[in-house]
Amino acid sequence: MLGIGVFGASGRVGRLIVEFIKESPNIKLGSLYTRKVLDFCVESETLITSDLKAFLENCEVVIDFTTPQGTEQLLEVALSHPKPIVIGTTGLEFHCENLIKEASKKMPIFYASNMSLGVAVLNRTIAMVANALKDFDIEIVETHHKHKKDSPSGTALSLAKTCAVARGLELDKVRISGRDGNIGERSEREIGVMSLRGGDVVGKHNVGFYGDGEYLELIHTATSRLTFAKGAIKAAVWLKNQPNGFYSIEDFLNF
């Protein structure tokens, strides 16, 4: 059985991953990394630790849903203790993204700002739409629960970048922003990204293409965090058999 290590087992998604693995055949909990006392039970053979080296040594593949700081610490230790890693942490900064690419030379790493298969299809679809409707303005609105720390969401930024690339625009010259005060008329090279926070909304992303006399909106709504947990576990099982390198959800779906 494939032994999976859950990095951040006490987090919202981490707990769901643990519970789903416990009920699944052919996979098991190899190790759990946490700095808190867990309020749930696991098999006695599962290692529960706050020692990263021990955590990595007691699993075959890692799933990480923590914080940018946590992901960075995991990767730094994994450089000397390579292990296939699935990363679902959002809000990563440039340094951490570079660290992922550097680490992928020594181990297979799968990174996705959203583990939903529906979002992956949305991302592929909007590339086609952005290219076909070149004169349409693009506005993205993302809604999440009130506890989400990063804004805009990593998924919203990924969707915006997909649209920019589809139109052949240089990312560092495209304005990606929300509406902030009196900023004047909209520019042609602008991609608007708005963030809403409230309640217990799991995640909603609306990508709108607005033209003169018509508009098209493509919406993805996640109704349960279990969606992300299941997607991460499927990615982990797939990643175990991949050679060293950097992988995205598009690679997993064979797009």
C-alpha atoms as a PDB file:
ATOM      1  CA  MET A   1       0.000   0.000   0.000  1.00  0.00           C
ATOM      2  CA  LEU A   2       1.159   3.499  -0.812  1.00  0.00           C
ATOM      3  CA  GLY A   3       2.114   5.384   2.343  1.00  0.00           C
ATOM      4  CA  ILE A   4       1.119   9.047   2.121  1.00  0.00           C
ATOM      5  CA  GLY A   5       2.522  11.744   4.384  1.00  0.00           C
ATOM      6  CA  VAL A   6       0.180  14.641   5.179  1.00  0.00           C
ATOM      7  CA  PHE A   7       2.047  17.877   5.849  1.00  0.00           C
ATOM      8  CA  GLY A   8      -0.294  20.098   7.847  1.00  0.00           C
ATOM      9  CA  ALA A   9      -2.600  17.366   9.138  1.00  0.00           C
ATOM     10  CA  SER A  10      -4.462  19.711  11.487  1.00  0.00           C
ATOM     11  CA  GLY A  11      -5.514  22.155   8.745  1.00  0.00           C
ATOM     12  CA  ARG A  12      -8.943  22.293   7.116  1.00  0.00           C
ATOM     13  CA  VAL A  13      -7.966  20.376   3.987  1.00  0.00           C
ATOM     14  CA  GLY A  14      -5.324  18.307   5.786  1.00  0.00           C
ATOM     15  CA  ARG A  15      -7.947  16.806   8.099  1.00  0.00           C
ATOM     16  CA  LEU A  16     -10.138  15.884   5.135  1.00  0.00           C
ATOM     17  CA  ILE A  17      -7.185  14.226   3.401  1.00  0.00           C
ATOM     18  CA  VAL A  18      -6.490  12.172   6.518  1.00  0.00           C
ATOM     19  CA  GLU A  19     -10.110  11.040   6.834  1.00  0.00           C
ATOM     20  CA  PHE A  20     -10.381  10.173   3.141  1.00  0.00           C
ATOM     21  CA  ILE A  21      -7.151   8.124   3.201  1.00  0.00           C
ATOM     22  CA  LYS A  22      -8.363   6.213   6.272  1.00  0.00           C
ATOM     23  CA  GLU A  23     -11.408   5.040   4.288  1.00  0.00           C
ATOM     24  CA  SER A  24      -9.603   4.302   1.004  1.00  0.00           C
ATOM     25  CA  PRO A  25      -8.160   0.988  -0.223  1.00  0.00           C
ATOM     26  CA  ASN A  26      -4.584   0.656  -1.544  1.00  0.00           C
ATOM     27  CA  ILE A  27      -3.335   3.764   0.279  1.00  0.00           C
ATOM     28  CA  LYS A  28      -2.508   4.439   3.912  1.00  0.00           C
ATOM     29  CA  LEU A  29      -1.268   7.159   6.235  1.00  0.00           C
ATOM     30  CA  GLY A  30       2.496   6.853   6.430  1.00  0.00           C
ATOM     31  CA  SER A  31       3.176   9.930   8.543  1.00  0.00           C
ATOM     32  CA  LEU A  32       1.514  13.122   9.739  1.00  0.00           C
ATOM     33  CA  TYR A  33       3.350  16.392  10.340  1.00  0.00           C
ATOM     34  CA  THR A  34       1.787  18.749  12.843  1.00  0.00           C
ATOM     35  CA  ARG A  35       2.793  21.145  15.583  1.00  0.00           C
ATOM     36  CA  LYS A  36      -0.565  20.858  17.306  1.00  0.00           C
ATOM     37  CA  VAL A  37      -2.193  18.097  19.310  1.00  0.00           C
ATOM     38  CA  LEU A  38      -4.514  16.247  16.940  1.00  0.00           C
ATOM     39  CA  ASP A  39      -8.126  15.837  17.997  1.00  0.00           C
ATOM     40  CA  PHE A  40      -8.697  12.735  15.872  1.00  0.00           C
ATOM     41  CA  CYS A  41      -7.344   9.194  15.894  1.00  0.00           C
ATOM     42  CA  VAL A  42      -5.179   7.317  13.383  1.00  0.00           C
ATOM     43  CA  GLU A  43      -3.648   3.845  13.273  1.00  0.00           C
ATOM     44  CA  SER A  44      -0.823   3.270  15.760  1.00  0.00           C
ATOM     45  CA  GLU A  45       1.579   2.529  12.878  1.00  0.00           C
ATOM     46  CA  THR A  46       1.177   6.082  11.530  1.00  0.00           C
ATOM     47  CA  LEU A  47       3.975   8.390  12.664  1.00  0.00           C
ATOM     48  CA  ILE A  48       2.811  11.700  14.116  1.00  0.00           C
ATOM     49  CA  THR A  49       5.716  14.121  14.344  1.00  0.00           C
ATOM     50  CA  SER A  50       6.971  17.698  14.195  1.00  0.00           C
ATOM     51  CA  ASP A  51      10.355  16.508  12.895  1.00  0.00           C
ATOM     52  CA  LEU A  52      10.491  17.077   9.139  1.00  0.00           C
ATOM     53  CA  LYS A  53      13.266  14.569   8.503  1.00  0.00           C
ATOM     54  CA  ALA A  54      11.413  11.798  10.335  1.00  0.00           C
ATOM     55  CA  PHE A  55       8.185  12.783   8.591  1.00  0.00           C
ATOM     56  CA  LEU A  56       9.785  12.395   5.150  1.00  0.00           C
ATOM     57  CA  GLU A  57      11.489   9.129   6.026  1.00  0.00           C
ATOM     58  CA  ASN A  58       8.195   7.489   7.007  1.00  0.00           C
ATOM     59  CA  CYS A  59       6.154   8.082   3.844  1.00  0.00           C
ATOM     60  CA  GLU A  60       6.440   7.458   0.116  1.00  0.00           C
ATOM     61  CA  VAL A  61       4.772  10.635  -1.152  1.00  0.00           C
ATOM     62  CA  VAL A  62       3.849  13.919   0.558  1.00  0.00           C
ATOM     63  CA  ILE A  63       0.738  16.083   0.300  1.00  0.00           C
ATOM     64  CA  ASP A  64       1.205  19.680   1.464  1.00  0.00           C
ATOM     65  CA  PHE A  65      -1.656  22.058   2.286  1.00  0.00           C
ATOM     66  CA  THR A  66      -0.087  24.530   4.702  1.00  0.00           C
ATOM     67  CA  THR A  67       1.288  28.071   4.411  1.00  0.00           C
ATOM     68  CA  PRO A  68       3.927  29.561   2.106  1.00  0.00           C
ATOM     69  CA  GLN A  69       6.361  29.493   5.028  1.00  0.00           C
ATOM     70  CA  GLY A  70       5.535  25.863   5.752  1.00  0.00           C
ATOM     71  CA  THR A  71       5.973  24.835   2.121  1.00  0.00           C
ATOM     72  CA  GLU A  72       9.344  26.562   2.000  1.00  0.00           C
ATOM     73  CA  GLN A  73      10.536  24.726   5.119  1.00  0.00           C
ATOM     74  CA  LEU A  74       9.342  21.402   3.697  1.00  0.00           C
ATOM     75  CA  LEU A  75      11.190  21.929   0.421  1.00  0.00           C
ATOM     76  CA  GLU A  76      14.417  22.977   2.109  1.00  0.00           C
ATOM     77  CA  VAL A  77      14.530  19.730   4.116  1.00  0.00           C
ATOM     78  CA  ALA A  78      13.341  17.648   1.144  1.00  0.00           C
ATOM     79  CA  LEU A  79      16.340  18.819  -0.892  1.00  0.00           C
ATOM     80  CA  SER A  80      18.485  16.514   1.231  1.00  0.00           C
ATOM     81  CA  HIS A  81      15.720  13.916   1.712  1.00  0.00           C
ATOM     82  CA  PRO A  82      13.982  13.795  -1.713  1.00  0.00           C
ATOM     83  CA  LYS A  83      10.393  12.604  -1.840  1.00  0.00           C
ATOM     84  CA  PRO A  84       7.535  13.046  -4.369  1.00  0.00           C
ATOM     85  CA  ILE A  85       5.548  16.074  -3.171  1.00  0.00           C
ATOM     86  CA  VAL A  86       2.060  17.320  -4.052  1.00  0.00           C
ATOM     87  CA  ILE A  87       1.687  21.020  -3.162  1.00  0.00           C
ATOM     88  CA  GLY A  88      -1.700  22.683  -2.848  1.00  0.00           C
ATOM     89  CA  THR A  89      -0.598  25.667  -0.757  1.00  0.00           C
ATOM     90  CA  THR A  90      -1.586  29.052  -2.204  1.00  0.00           C
ATOM     91  CA  GLY A  91      -0.117  32.519  -1.852  1.00  0.00           C
ATOM     92  CA  LEU A  92       3.408  31.368  -2.698  1.00  0.00           C
ATOM     93  CA  GLU A  93       5.957  34.105  -3.306  1.00  0.00           C
ATOM     94  CA  PHE A  94       8.553  34.253  -6.076  1.00  0.00           C
ATOM     95  CA  HIS A  95      11.300  32.743  -3.914  1.00  0.00           C
ATOM     96  CA  CYS A  96       9.191  29.706  -3.042  1.00  0.00           C
ATOM     97  CA  GLU A  97       8.195  29.174  -6.674  1.00  0.00           C
ATOM     98  CA  ASN A  98      11.884  29.143  -7.615  1.00  0.00           C
ATOM     99  CA  LEU A  99      12.579  26.722  -4.771  1.00  0.00           C
ATOM    100  CA  ILE A 100       9.918  24.364  -6.142  1.00  0.00           C
ATOM    101  CA  LYS A 101      11.542  24.381  -9.574  1.00  0.00           C
ATOM    102  CA  GLU A 102      14.986  23.801  -8.063  1.00  0.00           C
ATOM    103  CA  ALA A 103      13.716  20.943  -5.886  1.00  0.00           C
ATOM    104  CA  SER A 104      11.952  19.332  -8.871  1.00  0.00           C
ATOM    105  CA  LYS A 105      15.385  18.485 -10.276  1.00  0.00           C
ATOM    106  CA  LYS A 106      15.805  16.011  -7.404  1.00  0.00           C
ATOM    107  CA  MET A 107      12.234  14.755  -6.996  1.00  0.00           C
ATOM    108  CA  PRO A 108       8.871  14.816  -8.794  1.00  0.00           C
ATOM    109  CA  ILE A 109       6.801  17.797  -7.618  1.00  0.00           C
ATOM    110  CA  PHE A 110       3.170  18.476  -8.478  1.00  0.00           C
ATOM    111  CA  TYR A 111       1.888  21.990  -7.857  1.00  0.00           C
ATOM    112  CA  ALA A 112      -1.614  23.349  -8.374  1.00  0.00           C
ATOM    113  CA  SER A 113      -3.210  26.417  -6.832  1.00  0.00           C
ATOM    114  CA  ASN A 114      -6.500  24.514  -7.082  1.00  0.00           C
ATOM    115  CA  MET A 115      -6.816  20.714  -7.006  1.00  0.00           C
ATOM    116  CA  SER A 116     -10.272  20.765  -8.603  1.00  0.00           C
ATOM    117  CA  LEU A 117     -10.549  19.005 -11.959  1.00  0.00           C
ATOM    118  CA  GLY A 118     -13.331  21.437 -12.885  1.00  0.00           C
ATOM    119  CA  VAL A 119     -11.006  24.419 -12.414  1.00  0.00           C
ATOM    120  CA  ALA A 120      -8.423  22.723 -14.638  1.00  0.00           C
ATOM    121  CA  VAL A 121     -11.020  22.423 -17.409  1.00  0.00           C
ATOM    122  CA  LEU A 122     -12.097  26.044 -16.797  1.00  0.00           C
ATOM    123  CA  ASN A 123      -8.494  27.180 -17.130  1.00  0.00           C
ATOM    124  CA  ARG A 124      -8.119  25.402 -20.451  1.00  0.00           C
ATOM    125  CA  THR A 125     -11.458  26.740 -21.709  1.00  0.00           C
ATOM    126  CA  ILE A 126     -10.770  30.397 -20.916  1.00  0.00           C
ATOM    127  CA  ALA A 127      -7.523  30.257 -22.889  1.00  0.00           C
ATOM    128  CA  MET A 128      -9.561  29.457 -25.990  1.00  0.00           C
ATOM    129  CA  VAL A 129     -12.177  32.117 -25.186  1.00  0.00           C
ATOM    130  CA  ALA A 130      -9.619  34.839 -24.431  1.00  0.00           C
ATOM    131  CA  ASN A 131      -7.945  34.189 -27.751  1.00  0.00           C
ATOM    132  CA  ALA A 132     -11.214  34.081 -29.702  1.00  0.00           C
ATOM    133  CA  LEU A 133     -12.775  37.185 -28.096  1.00  0.00           C
ATOM    134  CA  LYS A 134      -9.766  39.472 -28.290  1.00  0.00           C
ATOM    135  CA  ASP A 135     -11.802  42.701 -28.083  1.00  0.00           C
ATOM    136  CA  PHE A 136     -13.687  41.662 -24.947  1.00  0.00           C
ATOM    137  CA  ASP A 137     -12.706  42.998 -21.525  1.00  0.00           C
ATOM    138  CA  ILE A 138     -11.769  40.346 -18.966  1.00  0.00           C
ATOM    139  CA  GLU A 139     -12.920  40.568 -15.358  1.00  0.00           C
ATOM    140  CA  ILE A 140     -12.408  37.845 -12.740  1.00  0.00           C
ATOM    141  CA  VAL A 141     -14.304  37.726  -9.449  1.00  0.00           C
ATOM    142  CA  GLU A 142     -13.354  35.186  -6.784  1.00  0.00           C
ATOM    143  CA  THR A 143     -15.255  34.507  -3.559  1.00  0.00           C
ATOM    144  CA  HIS A 144     -13.961  32.588  -0.543  1.00  0.00           C
ATOM    145  CA  HIS A 145     -14.678  32.079   3.144  1.00  0.00           C
ATOM    146  CA  LYS A 146     -13.802  34.772   5.660  1.00  0.00           C
ATOM    147  CA  HIS A 147     -10.789  32.871   7.017  1.00  0.00           C
ATOM    148  CA  LYS A 148      -8.843  32.751   3.741  1.00  0.00           C
ATOM    149  CA  LYS A 149      -5.558  34.587   4.203  1.00  0.00           C
ATOM    150  CA  ASP A 150      -4.323  35.304   0.668  1.00  0.00           C
ATOM    151  CA  SER A 151      -6.022  37.693  -1.750  1.00  0.00           C
ATOM    152  CA  PRO A 152      -6.520  37.436  -4.664  1.00  0.00           C
ATOM    153  CA  SER A 153      -6.655  33.659  -4.577  1.00  0.00           C
ATOM    154  CA  GLY A 154      -3.911  31.724  -6.300  1.00  0.00           C
ATOM    155  CA  THR A 155      -6.537  30.268  -8.616  1.00  0.00           C
ATOM    156  CA  ALA A 156      -7.760  33.715  -9.683  1.00  0.00           C
ATOM    157  CA  LEU A 157      -4.225  34.824 -10.459  1.00  0.00           C
ATOM    158  CA  SER A 158      -3.601  31.643 -12.449  1.00  0.00           C
ATOM    159  CA  LEU A 159      -6.775  32.238 -14.456  1.00  0.00           C
ATOM    160  CA  ALA A 160      -5.729  35.836 -15.140  1.00  0.00           C
ATOM    161  CA  LYS A 161      -2.286  34.735 -16.301  1.00  0.00           C
ATOM    162  CA  THR A 162      -3.842  32.120 -18.584  1.00  0.00           C
ATOM    163  CA  CYS A 163      -5.926  34.836 -20.265  1.00  0.00           C
ATOM    164  CA  ALA A 164      -2.906  37.110 -20.629  1.00  0.00           C
ATOM    165  CA  VAL A 165      -0.778  34.388 -22.211  1.00  0.00           C
ATOM    166  CA  ALA A 166      -3.620  33.426 -24.572  1.00  0.00           C
ATOM    167  CA  ARG A 167      -3.650  37.005 -25.866  1.00  0.00           C
ATOM    168  CA  GLY A 168       0.122  37.180 -26.196  1.00  0.00           C
ATOM    169  CA  LEU A 169       0.466  39.820 -23.498  1.00  0.00           C
ATOM    170  CA  GLU A 170       3.568  40.171 -21.336  1.00  0.00           C
ATOM    171  CA  LEU A 171       2.558  39.402 -17.774  1.00  0.00           C
ATOM    172  CA  ASP A 172       4.679  42.132 -16.181  1.00  0.00           C
ATOM    173  CA  LYS A 173       2.998  44.755 -18.372  1.00  0.00           C
ATOM    174  CA  VAL A 174      -0.588  43.638 -17.858  1.00  0.00           C
ATOM    175  CA  ARG A 175      -2.452  45.350 -15.055  1.00  0.00           C
ATOM    176  CA  ILE A 176      -4.085  42.764 -12.850  1.00  0.00           C
ATOM    177  CA  SER A 177      -6.079  44.568 -10.202  1.00  0.00           C
ATOM    178  CA  GLY A 178      -9.439  45.198  -8.646  1.00  0.00           C
ATOM    179  CA  ARG A 179     -11.303  48.502  -8.724  1.00  0.00           C
ATOM    180  CA  ASP A 180      -9.696  50.814  -6.186  1.00  0.00           C
ATOM    181  CA  GLY A 181     -11.191  54.280  -5.932  1.00  0.00           C
ATOM    182  CA  ASN A 182     -11.387  56.660  -8.878  1.00  0.00           C
ATOM    183  CA  ILE A 183      -8.951  55.103 -11.345  1.00  0.00           C
ATOM    184  CA  GLY A 184     -10.493  56.398 -14.570  1.00  0.00           C
ATOM    185  CA  GLU A 185     -11.497  54.432 -17.639  1.00  0.00           C
ATOM    186  CA  ARG A 186     -10.543  50.825 -18.143  1.00  0.00           C
ATOM    187  CA  SER A 187      -7.438  50.178 -20.252  1.00  0.00           C
ATOM    188  CA  GLU A 188      -7.350  47.580 -23.016  1.00  0.00           C
ATOM    189  CA  ARG A 189      -4.448  45.704 -21.438  1.00  0.00           C
ATOM    190  CA  GLU A 190      -6.134  45.402 -18.052  1.00  0.00           C
ATOM    191  CA  ILE A 191      -7.388  42.206 -16.466  1.00  0.00           C
ATOM    192  CA  GLY A 192      -9.510  42.919 -13.414  1.00  0.00           C
ATOM    193  CA  VAL A 193      -9.366  40.565 -10.432  1.00  0.00           C
ATOM    194  CA  MET A 194     -11.773  41.183  -7.561  1.00  0.00           C
ATOM    195  CA  SER A 195     -11.816  39.339  -4.223  1.00  0.00           C
ATOM    196  CA  LEU A 196     -14.836  38.802  -1.979  1.00  0.00           C
ATOM    197  CA  ARG A 197     -14.592  37.255   1.498  1.00  0.00           C
ATOM    198  CA  GLY A 198     -17.440  36.093   3.708  1.00  0.00           C
ATOM    199  CA  GLY A 199     -19.094  33.250   5.573  1.00  0.00           C
ATOM    200  CA  ASP A 200     -18.046  29.693   4.788  1.00  0.00           C
ATOM    201  CA  VAL A 201     -17.874  29.883   0.974  1.00  0.00           C
ATOM    202  CA  VAL A 202     -15.518  27.102  -0.159  1.00  0.00           C
ATOM    203  CA  GLY A 203     -14.614  28.767  -3.447  1.00  0.00           C
ATOM    204  CA  LYS A 204     -16.208  30.419  -6.455  1.00  0.00           C
ATOM    205  CA  HIS A 205     -14.466  31.811  -9.550  1.00  0.00           C
ATOM    206  CA  ASN A 206     -16.269  33.822 -12.219  1.00  0.00           C
ATOM    207  CA  VAL A 207     -14.336  34.655 -15.402  1.00  0.00           C
ATOM    208  CA  GLY A 208     -16.255  37.190 -17.449  1.00  0.00           C
ATOM    209  CA  PHE A 209     -15.641  38.344 -21.028  1.00  0.00           C
ATOM    210  CA  TYR A 210     -17.470  41.614 -21.632  1.00  0.00           C
ATOM    211  CA  GLY A 211     -18.022  43.046 -25.105  1.00  0.00           C
ATOM    212  CA  ASP A 212     -20.309  45.674 -26.617  1.00  0.00           C
ATOM    213  CA  GLY A 213     -23.848  44.295 -26.630  1.00  0.00           C
ATOM    214  CA  GLU A 214     -23.014  40.900 -25.141  1.00  0.00           C
ATOM    215  CA  TYR A 215     -20.971  39.152 -22.491  1.00  0.00           C
ATOM    216  CA  LEU A 216     -19.965  35.616 -21.556  1.00  0.00           C
ATOM    217  CA  GLU A 217     -19.342  34.390 -17.998  1.00  0.00           C
ATOM    218  CA  LEU A 218     -17.790  31.068 -17.053  1.00  0.00           C
ATOM    219  CA  ILE A 219     -18.251  30.069 -13.418  1.00  0.00           C
ATOM    220  CA  HIS A 220     -16.803  27.315 -11.274  1.00  0.00           C
ATOM    221  CA  THR A 221     -18.143  26.728  -7.768  1.00  0.00           C
ATOM    222  CA  ALA A 222     -16.649  24.343  -5.223  1.00  0.00           C
ATOM    223  CA  THR A 223     -19.272  23.158  -2.749  1.00  0.00           C
ATOM    224  CA  SER A 224     -16.971  21.058  -0.554  1.00  0.00           C
ATOM    225  CA  ARG A 225     -13.296  21.086   0.451  1.00  0.00           C
ATOM    226  CA  LEU A 226     -13.399  17.335  -0.060  1.00  0.00           C
ATOM    227  CA  THR A 227     -13.058  18.165  -3.772  1.00  0.00           C
ATOM    228  CA  PHE A 228      -9.546  19.468  -3.117  1.00  0.00           C
ATOM    229  CA  ALA A 229      -8.673  16.557  -0.834  1.00  0.00           C
ATOM    230  CA  LYS A 230      -9.725  13.940  -3.389  1.00  0.00           C
ATOM    231  CA  GLY A 231      -7.889  15.764  -6.179  1.00  0.00           C
ATOM    232  CA  ALA A 232      -4.684  15.917  -4.134  1.00  0.00           C
ATOM    233  CA  ILE A 233      -4.814  12.213  -3.278  1.00  0.00           C
ATOM    234  CA  LYS A 234      -5.353  11.251  -6.927  1.00  0.00           C
ATOM    235  CA  ALA A 235      -2.398  13.469  -7.859  1.00  0.00           C
ATOM    236  CA  ALA A 236      -0.238  11.825  -5.172  1.00  0.00           C
ATOM    237  CA  VAL A 237      -0.965   8.298  -6.430  1.00  0.00           C
ATOM    238  CA  TRP A 238      -0.131   9.431  -9.980  1.00  0.00           C
ATOM    239  CA  LEU A 239       3.001  11.361  -8.983  1.00  0.00           C
ATOM    240  CA  LYS A 240       4.596   8.387  -7.212  1.00  0.00           C
ATOM    241  CA  ASN A 241       5.370   6.805 -10.589  1.00  0.00           C
ATOM    242  CA  GLN A 242       6.664   9.931 -12.345  1.00  0.00           C
ATOM    243  CA  PRO A 243      10.333  10.805 -12.918  1.00  0.00           C
ATOM    244  CA  ASN A 244      11.896  13.876 -11.317  1.00  0.00           C
ATOM    245  CA  GLY A 245      10.410  17.107 -12.658  1.00  0.00           C
ATOM    246  CA  PHE A 246       7.781  19.789 -12.195  1.00  0.00           C
ATOM    247  CA  TYR A 247       4.183  18.804 -12.923  1.00  0.00           C
ATOM    248  CA  SER A 248       0.871  20.655 -13.129  1.00  0.00           C
ATOM    249  CA  ILE A 249      -2.722  19.500 -13.102  1.00  0.00           C
ATOM    250  CA  GLU A 250      -2.667  19.772 -16.906  1.00  0.00           C
ATOM    251  CA  ASP A 251       0.032  17.059 -16.976  1.00  0.00           C
ATOM    252  CA  PHE A 252      -2.074  14.886 -14.671  1.00  0.00           C
ATOM    253  CA  LEU A 253      -5.113  15.229 -16.950  1.00  0.00           C
ATOM    254  CA  ASN A 254      -2.908  14.715 -20.028  1.00  0.00           C
ATOM    255  CA  PHE A 255      -4.056  17.962 -21.646  1.00  0.00           C
END
